[in-house]
């Protein structure tokens, strides 16, 4: 496990909280990977554009960050 990544136990607690994919999304990225990217930016303080590509394109991660922030999903995840 990479330092700072979610453990499997942590993921089990939150994996059911993510909304189903929107109808217009052609290919759904694993929400765990996207969440890991969001947490990486929050932990390191890097710019979104500098997010390593292993987390998905930065634009996708940023879009999910905005969506999940507005819907309060990120706060619910952090509380759990």
Foldseek 3Di string as FASTA:
>chain_A
DPPPADDPVLCVVCVVLDDDDDPPDPDDDRVSLLVRQVSVCVVPVDDLCPGDCSSPHSVVSVVVVVVCVVVVVVVVSVVD
